[in-house]
N, C-alpha and C. Protein backbone atom coordinates (compact mmCIF):
# COMPACT_ATOMS: atom_id res chain seq x y z
N UNK A 1 -102.15 42.39 -152.30
CA UNK A 1 -100.80 42.03 -151.60
C UNK A 1 -101.05 41.66 -150.15
N UNK A 2 -102.11 42.26 -149.45
CA UNK A 2 -102.33 41.63 -147.96
C UNK A 2 -104.22 40.82 -148.03
N UNK A 3 -104.09 39.68 -147.02
CA UNK A 3 -104.97 39.36 -147.40
C UNK A 3 -105.58 39.47 -145.95
N UNK A 4 -106.69 39.53 -145.93
CA UNK A 4 -107.41 39.84 -144.78
C UNK A 4 -108.14 38.29 -144.31
N UNK A 5 -107.64 37.37 -143.45
CA UNK A 5 -107.57 36.67 -142.73
C UNK A 5 -108.89 36.77 -141.63
N UNK A 6 -110.24 35.64 -141.49
CA UNK A 6 -110.39 35.94 -140.49
C UNK A 6 -109.58 35.35 -138.86
N UNK A 7 -109.78 35.54 -137.73
CA UNK A 7 -109.20 34.91 -137.11
C UNK A 7 -109.34 33.05 -136.64
N UNK A 8 -110.83 33.25 -137.38
CA UNK A 8 -110.93 31.49 -136.67
C UNK A 8 -110.48 30.44 -138.14
N UNK A 9 -110.07 31.34 -139.01
CA UNK A 9 -109.41 30.64 -140.18
C UNK A 9 -108.00 30.22 -139.56
N UNK A 10 -106.96 30.94 -138.80
CA UNK A 10 -105.85 30.90 -138.60
C UNK A 10 -105.63 29.48 -137.18
N UNK A 11 -106.81 29.45 -136.85
CA UNK A 11 -106.84 28.80 -135.17
C UNK A 11 -107.12 27.40 -135.83
N UNK A 12 -106.79 26.31 -135.31
CA UNK A 12 -107.39 24.67 -136.00
C UNK A 12 -108.72 24.57 -135.81
N UNK A 13 -110.00 23.59 -136.33
CA UNK A 13 -110.66 23.62 -136.13
C UNK A 13 -110.32 22.30 -134.90
N UNK A 14 -111.36 22.45 -133.98
CA UNK A 14 -111.40 21.01 -133.09
C UNK A 14 -113.11 20.66 -133.53
N UNK A 15 -112.30 19.18 -133.53
CA UNK A 15 -113.79 18.13 -134.28
C UNK A 15 -114.71 17.85 -132.47
N UNK A 16 -115.99 17.92 -133.05
CA UNK A 16 -117.00 17.94 -132.10
C UNK A 16 -116.53 16.66 -131.28
N UNK A 17 -117.30 16.58 -130.08
CA UNK A 17 -117.08 15.13 -129.19
C UNK A 17 -118.15 14.89 -129.19
N UNK A 18 -118.80 13.42 -128.68
CA UNK A 18 -120.27 13.40 -128.47
C UNK A 18 -120.37 13.62 -127.06
N UNK A 19 -121.37 13.29 -126.58
CA UNK A 19 -121.92 13.66 -125.14
C UNK A 19 -121.23 13.10 -124.18
N UNK A 20 -121.02 12.07 -123.71
CA UNK A 20 -120.19 11.35 -122.63
C UNK A 20 -118.71 10.94 -122.83
N UNK A 21 -118.02 11.29 -124.18
CA UNK A 21 -116.99 10.59 -124.42
C UNK A 21 -115.82 11.36 -123.37
N UNK A 22 -114.40 10.75 -122.74
CA UNK A 22 -113.89 11.41 -122.02
C UNK A 22 -113.06 12.65 -122.52
N UNK A 23 -113.23 13.69 -121.72
CA UNK A 23 -112.23 15.33 -122.30
C UNK A 23 -111.18 14.86 -121.83
N UNK A 24 -110.29 15.03 -123.22
CA UNK A 24 -108.32 14.88 -123.16
C UNK A 24 -108.27 16.03 -123.22
N UNK A 25 -106.95 16.32 -122.83
CA UNK A 25 -106.46 17.43 -122.58
C UNK A 25 -105.95 17.92 -124.36
N UNK A 26 -106.29 19.03 -124.49
CA UNK A 26 -105.83 19.48 -125.61
C UNK A 26 -104.44 20.24 -126.22
N UNK A 27 -103.57 19.78 -126.73
CA UNK A 27 -102.19 20.46 -126.78
C UNK A 27 -102.67 21.74 -127.36
N UNK A 28 -101.57 22.83 -126.90
CA UNK A 28 -102.03 24.12 -127.34
C UNK A 28 -101.11 24.37 -128.55
N UNK A 29 -101.78 25.05 -129.61
CA UNK A 29 -101.08 25.25 -130.66
C UNK A 29 -101.00 26.69 -130.96
N UNK A 30 -99.48 27.31 -131.44
CA UNK A 30 -99.26 28.57 -131.63
C UNK A 30 -99.92 29.03 -133.03
N UNK A 31 -100.37 30.13 -133.25
CA UNK A 31 -100.44 29.99 -134.43
C UNK A 31 -99.17 30.41 -135.32
N UNK A 32 -99.32 30.42 -136.91
CA UNK A 32 -98.36 30.48 -137.81
C UNK A 32 -97.88 32.29 -137.62
N UNK A 33 -96.65 32.64 -137.46
CA UNK A 33 -96.40 33.49 -137.77
C UNK A 33 -95.89 34.00 -138.81
N UNK A 34 -96.16 34.80 -139.63
CA UNK A 34 -95.46 35.42 -141.22
C UNK A 34 -94.70 36.41 -140.72
N UNK A 35 -93.56 36.73 -141.51
CA UNK A 35 -92.93 37.52 -141.27
C UNK A 35 -92.17 38.23 -142.51
N UNK A 36 -92.56 39.49 -143.06
CA UNK A 36 -92.68 40.36 -144.25
C UNK A 36 -91.38 41.43 -143.85
N UNK A 37 -90.55 41.04 -144.71
CA UNK A 37 -89.34 41.73 -144.73
C UNK A 37 -89.93 42.63 -146.02
N UNK A 38 -89.16 44.27 -145.82
CA UNK A 38 -89.35 45.13 -146.79
C UNK A 38 -88.05 45.71 -146.60
N UNK A 39 -87.93 46.45 -148.02
CA UNK A 39 -86.66 47.32 -148.24
C UNK A 39 -86.71 48.80 -147.87
N UNK A 40 -87.86 48.83 -148.15
CA UNK A 40 -88.01 50.29 -148.68
C UNK A 40 -89.22 50.77 -147.37
N UNK A 41 -89.52 51.84 -146.40
CA UNK A 41 -90.68 52.40 -146.36
C UNK A 41 -91.27 53.05 -146.85
N UNK A 42 -92.52 53.16 -146.42
CA UNK A 42 -93.46 54.15 -147.23
C UNK A 42 -93.13 55.71 -146.92
N UNK A 43 -93.51 56.65 -148.22
CA UNK A 43 -93.47 57.75 -148.44
C UNK A 43 -94.60 58.50 -147.29
N UNK A 44 -93.37 59.50 -146.59
CA UNK A 44 -94.03 60.24 -145.24
C UNK A 44 -93.85 61.56 -145.48
N UNK A 45 -95.12 62.55 -145.41
CA UNK A 45 -94.59 63.84 -145.77
C UNK A 45 -95.44 64.45 -144.29
N UNK A 46 -94.41 65.52 -143.79
CA UNK A 46 -94.60 65.90 -142.34
C UNK A 46 -95.45 67.30 -142.80
N UNK A 47 -96.14 67.65 -142.74
CA UNK A 47 -96.79 68.89 -142.56
C UNK A 47 -96.61 69.58 -141.19
N UNK A 48 -96.62 70.69 -141.37
CA UNK A 48 -96.05 71.70 -139.73
C UNK A 48 -97.69 72.13 -139.33
N UNK A 49 -97.49 71.22 -137.81
CA UNK A 49 -98.58 71.96 -137.05
C UNK A 49 -98.27 72.66 -136.61
N UNK A 50 -99.85 72.91 -135.63
CA UNK A 50 -99.87 74.58 -135.28
C UNK A 50 -99.07 74.20 -133.67
N UNK A 51 -98.67 75.16 -132.92
CA UNK A 51 -97.82 74.96 -132.02
C UNK A 51 -98.73 74.49 -130.68
N UNK A 52 -99.76 75.16 -130.74
CA UNK A 52 -100.55 74.93 -129.51
C UNK A 52 -100.96 72.98 -129.44
N UNK A 53 -101.25 72.60 -130.16
CA UNK A 53 -101.45 71.27 -130.43
C UNK A 53 -100.60 70.00 -130.38
N UNK A 54 -98.96 70.69 -130.48
CA UNK A 54 -98.02 69.50 -129.92
C UNK A 54 -97.17 70.00 -128.78
N UNK A 55 -97.07 69.11 -127.66
CA UNK A 55 -96.46 69.75 -126.52
C UNK A 55 -95.47 67.98 -126.22
N UNK A 56 -94.88 67.92 -127.13
CA UNK A 56 -94.08 66.63 -126.89
C UNK A 56 -92.57 67.30 -126.93
N UNK A 57 -91.89 65.87 -126.98
CA UNK A 57 -90.29 66.65 -127.13
C UNK A 57 -89.30 65.61 -127.67
N UNK A 58 -88.61 66.26 -128.47
CA UNK A 58 -87.61 65.33 -129.42
C UNK A 58 -86.30 65.09 -128.45
N UNK A 59 -85.54 64.09 -129.09
CA UNK A 59 -83.95 63.89 -128.51
C UNK A 59 -83.40 63.42 -129.56
N UNK A 60 -81.73 63.75 -129.50
CA UNK A 60 -80.57 62.79 -130.76
C UNK A 60 -80.19 62.56 -128.79
N UNK A 61 -79.63 61.21 -129.32
CA UNK A 61 -78.99 60.38 -128.75
C UNK A 61 -77.61 60.73 -129.09
N UNK A 62 -76.78 59.70 -127.52
CA UNK A 62 -75.76 60.20 -127.76
C UNK A 62 -74.65 59.37 -129.11
N UNK A 63 -75.54 58.92 -130.01
CA UNK A 63 -74.36 58.03 -130.75
C UNK A 63 -75.21 58.93 -132.03
N UNK A 64 -75.71 59.85 -132.27
CA UNK A 64 -75.91 60.85 -133.12
C UNK A 64 -75.40 62.11 -133.44
N UNK A 65 -74.78 62.31 -134.86
CA UNK A 65 -74.27 63.46 -135.22
C UNK A 65 -74.73 64.53 -136.16
N UNK A 66 -74.94 65.51 -135.68
CA UNK A 66 -75.44 66.46 -136.94
C UNK A 66 -74.70 67.54 -136.90
N UNK A 67 -74.63 67.86 -138.47
CA UNK A 67 -73.61 68.68 -138.94
C UNK A 67 -74.68 69.96 -140.06
N UNK A 68 -75.10 71.15 -139.13
CA UNK A 68 -75.92 71.82 -139.93
C UNK A 68 -77.13 72.71 -138.90
N UNK A 69 -78.12 73.17 -139.38
CA UNK A 69 -79.35 73.74 -138.49
C UNK A 69 -79.88 72.61 -138.02
N UNK A 70 -80.77 73.23 -136.55
CA UNK A 70 -81.75 72.61 -136.30
C UNK A 70 -82.91 73.00 -135.69
N UNK A 71 -83.92 73.17 -136.30
CA UNK A 71 -84.75 74.24 -135.96
C UNK A 71 -86.53 73.78 -134.88
N UNK A 72 -86.35 73.57 -133.83
CA UNK A 72 -87.08 72.84 -133.32
C UNK A 72 -88.37 73.26 -132.67
N UNK A 73 -89.66 72.90 -133.05
CA UNK A 73 -90.68 73.78 -132.02
C UNK A 73 -91.65 72.72 -130.97
N UNK A 74 -90.60 72.32 -130.69
CA UNK A 74 -90.72 71.55 -129.40
C UNK A 74 -89.81 71.79 -128.52
N UNK A 75 -89.84 71.16 -127.12
CA UNK A 75 -88.43 71.19 -126.59
C UNK A 75 -87.83 69.85 -126.80
N UNK A 76 -86.14 69.84 -126.41
CA UNK A 76 -85.44 69.33 -127.45
C UNK A 76 -84.36 68.63 -126.79
N UNK A 77 -83.61 67.92 -126.26
CA UNK A 77 -82.90 66.92 -125.92
C UNK A 77 -81.49 66.52 -126.57
N UNK A 78 -80.60 66.94 -126.64
CA UNK A 78 -79.28 66.28 -127.58
C UNK A 78 -78.65 66.26 -126.59
N UNK A 79 -77.68 64.77 -126.73
CA UNK A 79 -76.80 63.85 -126.04
C UNK A 79 -75.72 63.53 -127.20
N UNK A 80 -75.78 64.17 -128.14
CA UNK A 80 -74.70 63.82 -129.15
C UNK A 80 -73.87 65.16 -129.37
N UNK A 81 -73.51 64.54 -130.57
CA UNK A 81 -72.42 65.68 -131.04
C UNK A 81 -72.93 66.95 -132.50
N UNK A 82 -72.71 68.21 -132.05
CA UNK A 82 -73.58 69.08 -133.11
C UNK A 82 -72.87 69.84 -133.53
N UNK A 83 -72.80 70.25 -134.91
CA UNK A 83 -72.16 71.23 -135.39
C UNK A 83 -72.79 72.10 -136.33
N UNK A 84 -73.16 73.32 -135.97
CA UNK A 84 -73.91 74.38 -136.63
C UNK A 84 -74.70 75.15 -135.68
N UNK A 85 -76.02 75.17 -135.69
CA UNK A 85 -77.10 76.24 -135.21
C UNK A 85 -78.04 75.35 -134.45
N UNK A 86 -78.35 75.95 -132.85
CA UNK A 86 -79.83 75.27 -132.96
C UNK A 86 -80.59 76.32 -132.75
N UNK A 87 -81.90 75.99 -133.07
CA UNK A 87 -83.09 77.06 -132.62
C UNK A 87 -83.94 76.61 -132.07
N UNK A 88 -84.53 76.66 -130.81
CA UNK A 88 -85.95 76.12 -129.88
C UNK A 88 -86.50 77.59 -129.67
N UNK A 89 -86.61 78.40 -130.33
CA UNK A 89 -87.37 79.98 -129.95
C UNK A 89 -88.13 79.79 -128.61
N UNK A 90 -89.45 79.05 -128.73
CA UNK A 90 -90.27 79.29 -127.38
C UNK A 90 -90.40 77.86 -126.98
N UNK A 91 -89.03 77.37 -126.84
CA UNK A 91 -89.02 75.79 -126.03
C UNK A 91 -87.52 75.98 -125.36
N UNK A 92 -87.64 75.07 -124.45
CA UNK A 92 -86.60 74.26 -123.15
C UNK A 92 -85.55 73.16 -124.39
N UNK A 93 -84.21 74.04 -124.55
CA UNK A 93 -83.27 73.06 -124.97
C UNK A 93 -82.39 72.57 -123.45
N UNK A 94 -81.99 71.06 -124.01
CA UNK A 94 -81.35 70.47 -122.93
C UNK A 94 -80.22 69.72 -123.55
N UNK A 95 -79.18 70.12 -122.86
CA UNK A 95 -77.59 69.58 -123.49
C UNK A 95 -77.68 68.63 -122.38
N UNK A 96 -77.12 67.47 -122.95
CA UNK A 96 -77.22 66.17 -121.82
C UNK A 96 -75.70 65.90 -121.90
N UNK A 97 -75.57 65.09 -120.63
CA UNK A 97 -74.05 65.07 -120.03
C UNK A 97 -73.05 64.48 -121.37
N UNK A 98 -73.22 63.91 -122.27
CA UNK A 98 -72.55 63.22 -123.22
C UNK A 98 -72.25 64.10 -124.65
N UNK A 99 -72.96 65.22 -124.37
CA UNK A 99 -73.34 66.20 -125.49
C UNK A 99 -71.77 66.88 -126.10
N UNK A 100 -71.58 66.89 -127.52
CA UNK A 100 -70.47 67.97 -127.56
C UNK A 100 -71.13 68.54 -128.26
N UNK A 101 -71.43 69.63 -128.15
CA UNK A 101 -71.63 71.09 -129.11
C UNK A 101 -70.94 72.26 -129.72
N UNK A 102 -70.98 72.24 -130.97
CA UNK A 102 -70.03 73.59 -131.48
C UNK A 102 -70.78 74.07 -132.51
N UNK A 103 -72.01 74.64 -131.53
CA UNK A 103 -72.88 75.87 -132.07
C UNK A 103 -73.35 76.68 -131.32
N UNK A 104 -73.85 77.86 -131.78
CA UNK A 104 -74.83 78.75 -131.56
C UNK A 104 -76.05 77.97 -131.22
N UNK A 105 -76.70 78.30 -129.64
CA UNK A 105 -77.83 78.03 -129.82
C UNK A 105 -78.66 79.16 -129.26
N UNK A 106 -80.08 78.88 -129.78
CA UNK A 106 -81.05 79.87 -129.11
C UNK A 106 -82.17 79.03 -128.32
N UNK A 107 -82.92 79.30 -127.78
CA UNK A 107 -84.03 79.11 -126.94
C UNK A 107 -84.67 80.12 -126.20
N UNK A 108 -85.58 79.36 -125.36
CA UNK A 108 -86.71 80.21 -124.28
C UNK A 108 -85.77 79.84 -123.01
N UNK A 109 -85.61 78.75 -122.70
CA UNK A 109 -84.42 77.91 -121.68
C UNK A 109 -83.61 77.02 -122.33
N UNK A 110 -82.42 76.75 -121.51
CA UNK A 110 -81.07 76.51 -122.04
C UNK A 110 -80.78 76.05 -120.83
N UNK A 111 -80.41 74.42 -121.02
CA UNK A 111 -79.89 73.59 -119.20
C UNK A 111 -79.15 72.94 -120.44
N UNK A 112 -78.06 73.05 -119.70
CA UNK A 112 -76.45 72.77 -120.05
C UNK A 112 -75.46 71.81 -118.80
N UNK A 113 -75.74 70.48 -119.59
CA UNK A 113 -74.71 69.67 -118.42
C UNK A 113 -73.39 68.87 -119.03
N UNK A 114 -73.50 69.06 -121.00
CA UNK A 114 -72.17 69.01 -121.31
C UNK A 114 -71.21 69.73 -121.79
N UNK A 115 -70.72 69.30 -123.29
CA UNK A 115 -69.89 70.81 -123.64
C UNK A 115 -70.47 71.59 -124.64
N UNK A 116 -70.01 72.86 -124.59
CA UNK A 116 -70.55 73.57 -125.77
C UNK A 116 -69.25 74.63 -125.88
N UNK A 117 -69.22 74.71 -127.18
CA UNK A 117 -68.42 76.16 -127.65
C UNK A 117 -69.01 76.46 -128.99
N UNK A 118 -69.39 77.79 -128.69
CA UNK A 118 -70.52 78.78 -128.89
C UNK A 118 -71.29 79.67 -128.43
N UNK A 119 -72.19 80.73 -128.87
CA UNK A 119 -72.69 81.61 -128.38
C UNK A 119 -74.09 81.19 -127.67
N UNK A 120 -74.77 81.01 -126.74
CA UNK A 120 -75.83 81.02 -126.14
C UNK A 120 -76.66 81.95 -125.64
N UNK A 121 -77.61 82.35 -126.36
CA UNK A 121 -78.85 83.16 -125.86
C UNK A 121 -80.11 82.33 -125.97
N UNK A 122 -80.64 83.17 -124.54
CA UNK A 122 -81.93 82.37 -123.63
C UNK A 122 -82.74 83.93 -123.28
N UNK A 123 -83.90 83.36 -124.10
CA UNK A 123 -84.91 84.72 -123.41
C UNK A 123 -85.29 84.72 -121.97
N UNK A 124 -85.49 83.48 -121.53
CA UNK A 124 -85.85 83.34 -120.16
C UNK A 124 -84.54 83.12 -119.00
N UNK A 125 -83.59 81.87 -119.33
CA UNK A 125 -83.00 81.44 -118.61
C UNK A 125 -81.79 80.09 -118.92
N UNK A 126 -81.01 80.41 -118.54
CA UNK A 126 -79.79 79.61 -118.60
C UNK A 126 -79.15 78.43 -117.53
N UNK A 127 -79.23 77.86 -117.43
CA UNK A 127 -78.88 76.91 -116.12
C UNK A 127 -78.01 76.14 -116.64
N UNK A 128 -76.40 76.29 -115.92
CA UNK A 128 -75.51 75.65 -116.55
C UNK A 128 -75.04 74.66 -114.88
N UNK A 129 -74.92 73.03 -115.35
CA UNK A 129 -74.51 72.41 -114.28
C UNK A 129 -73.70 72.48 -113.96
N UNK A 130 -72.98 71.07 -112.56
CA UNK A 130 -71.95 71.38 -112.45
C UNK A 130 -70.96 70.84 -113.67
N UNK A 131 -71.25 69.70 -113.91
CA UNK A 131 -70.38 69.18 -114.91
C UNK A 131 -70.11 69.82 -116.38
N UNK A 132 -70.83 70.81 -116.57
CA UNK A 132 -70.85 71.18 -117.90
C UNK A 132 -69.35 72.43 -118.01
N UNK A 133 -69.31 72.12 -119.67
CA UNK A 133 -68.46 72.90 -119.93
C UNK A 133 -68.74 73.92 -120.60
N UNK A 134 -68.52 75.30 -120.79
CA UNK A 134 -69.02 76.09 -121.66
C UNK A 134 -68.01 77.55 -122.36
N UNK A 135 -67.97 77.52 -123.51
CA UNK A 135 -66.71 78.37 -124.04
C UNK A 135 -67.69 79.16 -125.14
N UNK A 136 -67.80 80.32 -124.55
CA UNK A 136 -68.31 81.62 -125.51
C UNK A 136 -69.43 82.33 -124.76
N UNK A 137 -70.20 83.17 -125.46
CA UNK A 137 -70.99 84.10 -124.72
C UNK A 137 -72.37 83.76 -124.34
N UNK A 138 -72.70 84.35 -123.46
CA UNK A 138 -74.27 84.11 -122.51
C UNK A 138 -75.17 85.69 -122.82
N UNK A 139 -76.21 85.14 -123.57
CA UNK A 139 -77.17 86.27 -123.08
C UNK A 139 -78.21 85.94 -122.80
N UNK A 140 -78.99 86.69 -121.59
CA UNK A 140 -80.21 85.76 -121.30
C UNK A 140 -80.53 87.14 -120.30
N UNK A 141 -81.43 86.76 -119.40
CA UNK A 141 -81.88 87.49 -118.64
C UNK A 141 -81.98 87.22 -116.97
N UNK A 142 -82.18 85.49 -117.09
CA UNK A 142 -81.71 85.33 -115.71
C UNK A 142 -80.60 84.03 -116.19
N UNK A 143 -79.80 83.58 -115.04
CA UNK A 143 -78.88 82.69 -115.15
C UNK A 143 -78.04 81.59 -113.78
N UNK A 144 -78.18 80.71 -113.79
CA UNK A 144 -77.86 79.78 -112.76
C UNK A 144 -76.29 79.52 -112.95
N UNK A 145 -75.38 79.32 -112.19
CA UNK A 145 -74.22 78.76 -112.40
C UNK A 145 -73.90 77.87 -111.51
N UNK A 146 -73.81 76.28 -111.74
CA UNK A 146 -73.60 75.80 -110.29
C UNK A 146 -71.85 75.46 -109.81
N UNK A 147 -71.47 75.24 -108.45
CA UNK A 147 -70.17 75.26 -108.56
C UNK A 147 -69.77 73.89 -108.93
N UNK A 148 -68.29 74.44 -109.94
CA UNK A 148 -67.55 73.46 -110.10
C UNK A 148 -67.67 73.60 -111.78
N UNK A 149 -68.91 74.05 -112.53
CA UNK A 149 -69.08 74.47 -113.70
C UNK A 149 -67.82 75.25 -114.42
N UNK A 150 -67.47 74.69 -115.77
CA UNK A 150 -66.41 75.90 -116.50
C UNK A 150 -67.40 76.57 -117.45
N UNK A 151 -66.83 77.61 -116.89
CA UNK A 151 -67.27 78.96 -118.17
C UNK A 151 -66.45 79.84 -118.53
N UNK A 152 -66.41 80.30 -119.86
CA UNK A 152 -65.46 81.30 -120.29
C UNK A 152 -65.80 82.07 -121.52
N UNK A 153 -66.24 83.36 -121.04
CA UNK A 153 -67.01 84.28 -121.78
C UNK A 153 -67.57 85.64 -121.32
N UNK A 154 -68.45 86.06 -122.10
CA UNK A 154 -68.90 87.31 -121.22
C UNK A 154 -70.09 87.06 -121.38
N UNK A 155 -71.33 87.83 -120.19
CA UNK A 155 -72.08 87.45 -120.09
C UNK A 155 -73.28 88.27 -119.95
N UNK A 156 -74.28 89.19 -120.95
CA UNK A 156 -75.18 89.81 -121.12
C UNK A 156 -76.51 89.36 -120.32
N UNK A 157 -76.61 90.17 -119.48
CA UNK A 157 -78.10 90.12 -118.83
C UNK A 157 -78.90 91.14 -119.18
N UNK A 158 -80.10 90.57 -119.65
CA UNK A 158 -80.94 91.37 -120.74
C UNK A 158 -82.51 91.41 -120.00
N UNK A 159 -82.84 92.30 -120.13
CA UNK A 159 -84.07 92.51 -118.85
C UNK A 159 -85.35 91.88 -120.60
N UNK A 160 -85.78 91.24 -120.14
CA UNK A 160 -87.00 90.31 -121.07
C UNK A 160 -88.32 90.99 -121.04
N UNK A 161 -89.32 91.25 -121.35
CA UNK A 161 -90.47 91.85 -121.92
C UNK A 161 -91.08 91.21 -120.60
N UNK A 162 -90.87 89.95 -120.45
CA UNK A 162 -92.00 89.86 -119.26
C UNK A 162 -91.16 90.14 -117.74
N UNK A 163 -90.44 90.00 -117.44
CA UNK A 163 -89.76 90.43 -116.37
C UNK A 163 -89.59 92.10 -116.16
N UNK A 164 -89.67 92.65 -117.16
CA UNK A 164 -89.32 94.15 -116.89
C UNK A 164 -90.55 95.07 -116.25
N UNK A 165 -90.37 95.46 -115.70
CA UNK A 165 -91.83 96.42 -114.99
C UNK A 165 -92.06 97.34 -116.01
N UNK A 166 -93.44 97.79 -116.46
CA UNK A 166 -93.37 99.00 -117.70
C UNK A 166 -92.81 100.53 -116.40
N UNK A 167 -92.02 101.25 -117.35
CA UNK A 167 -91.73 102.64 -116.50
C UNK A 167 -92.63 103.61 -117.08
N UNK A 168 -93.09 104.60 -116.10
CA UNK A 168 -93.56 105.60 -116.69
C UNK A 168 -92.95 106.62 -117.43
N UNK A 169 -93.63 107.29 -118.04
CA UNK A 169 -92.99 107.96 -119.38
C UNK A 169 -92.58 109.34 -118.69
N UNK A 170 -91.42 109.74 -119.12
CA UNK A 170 -90.84 110.99 -118.12
C UNK A 170 -91.41 111.60 -118.34
N UNK A 171 -92.10 112.75 -117.23
CA UNK A 171 -93.16 113.88 -117.40
C UNK A 171 -92.29 115.24 -117.63
N UNK A 172 -92.45 116.12 -119.01
CA UNK A 172 -91.22 117.11 -119.06
C UNK A 172 -91.40 118.00 -117.67
N UNK A 173 -90.65 118.50 -117.19
CA UNK A 173 -90.20 119.75 -116.19
C UNK A 173 -91.01 121.05 -116.55
N UNK A 174 -91.66 121.03 -115.51
CA UNK A 174 -92.41 122.90 -115.58
C UNK A 174 -91.36 123.94 -115.68
N UNK A 175 -91.67 124.67 -116.72
CA UNK A 175 -90.86 125.78 -117.06
C UNK A 175 -91.44 126.59 -116.90
N UNK A 176 -90.96 127.78 -115.72
CA UNK A 176 -91.93 129.10 -115.57
C UNK A 176 -91.71 129.86 -116.87
N UNK A 177 -92.67 130.31 -117.51
CA UNK A 177 -92.62 131.35 -118.53
C UNK A 177 -93.11 132.75 -117.95
N UNK A 178 -92.48 133.58 -118.33
CA UNK A 178 -92.61 135.43 -117.92
C UNK A 178 -93.74 135.32 -118.63
N UNK A 179 -94.80 136.04 -118.33
CA UNK A 179 -95.96 137.05 -118.96
C UNK A 179 -95.39 138.24 -119.58
N UNK A 180 -95.61 137.94 -121.06
CA UNK A 180 -95.70 139.23 -121.66
C UNK A 180 -97.02 139.07 -123.19
N UNK A 181 -97.10 140.83 -122.75
CA UNK A 181 -97.95 140.90 -123.50
C UNK A 181 -97.85 140.72 -125.30
N UNK A 182 -96.58 140.42 -125.31
CA UNK A 182 -96.26 139.73 -127.14
C UNK A 182 -96.42 138.42 -126.80
N UNK A 183 -97.41 137.68 -127.60
CA UNK A 183 -97.47 136.10 -126.98
C UNK A 183 -96.10 135.32 -128.02
N UNK A 184 -96.11 136.03 -129.22
CA UNK A 184 -94.76 135.34 -130.32
C UNK A 184 -93.77 135.10 -129.27
N UNK A 185 -93.11 136.06 -128.63
CA UNK A 185 -92.15 136.23 -128.02
C UNK A 185 -92.48 135.13 -126.74
N UNK A 186 -92.83 135.27 -125.92
CA UNK A 186 -93.61 134.09 -124.68
C UNK A 186 -93.27 132.79 -125.37
N UNK A 187 -93.87 132.60 -126.29
CA UNK A 187 -93.72 131.19 -127.05
C UNK A 187 -91.98 130.65 -127.60
N UNK A 188 -91.60 131.73 -128.08
CA UNK A 188 -90.28 131.93 -128.67
C UNK A 188 -89.33 130.99 -127.12
N UNK A 189 -89.77 132.24 -125.86
CA UNK A 189 -89.02 131.94 -125.05
C UNK A 189 -89.48 130.67 -124.18
N UNK A 190 -90.66 129.65 -124.19
CA UNK A 190 -90.75 128.40 -123.82
C UNK A 190 -89.66 127.74 -124.40
N UNK A 191 -89.97 127.86 -125.40
CA UNK A 191 -89.02 126.57 -126.96
C UNK A 191 -87.80 127.01 -126.37
N UNK A 192 -86.82 127.99 -126.30
CA UNK A 192 -86.21 128.32 -126.06
C UNK A 192 -85.33 127.21 -124.57
N UNK A 193 -86.26 127.91 -123.73
CA UNK A 193 -85.99 126.28 -122.35
C UNK A 193 -86.13 125.25 -122.17
N UNK A 194 -86.96 124.65 -123.01
CA UNK A 194 -86.56 123.28 -122.94
C UNK A 194 -85.66 122.75 -122.78
């Protein structure tokens, strides 16, 4: 279908000039361009890539409407309309200023600038900007709500595994046990005091 032409074949050939002939300016000739219109695109397969090799981000523009579930393995910015659920487990989710979201959101970090109606769950942090509107419950370990932001719902602050300090296991209290010649009686007394 495609023919490979060499670059020399596309350009017009210059005639050789004799050695003493005057040099005339050569007109600039643009190569002819061929337009190809196709009605179908090639089939593509999207294989799952390991998370460590992918460090990009995806975006849904303000003219995009999605109804259903979104699962992202990279940072995601939504500036359009979404209805359903959005999950970016180990990544940042940004709700842009033009976004209108009616969905449950779950991500590592969530930045809200637009309008959300639904529950929001962030394992690390939620940042609600001053122009944002959020109606729903929040579950996170850290939260920032700027002055002027609208929020209606409840907030559940939970300690994340990275923020929580390991607490030592409680030691059993020392229980005085009376020494008696009968060892079975002493064991029964120590067990009943616990």
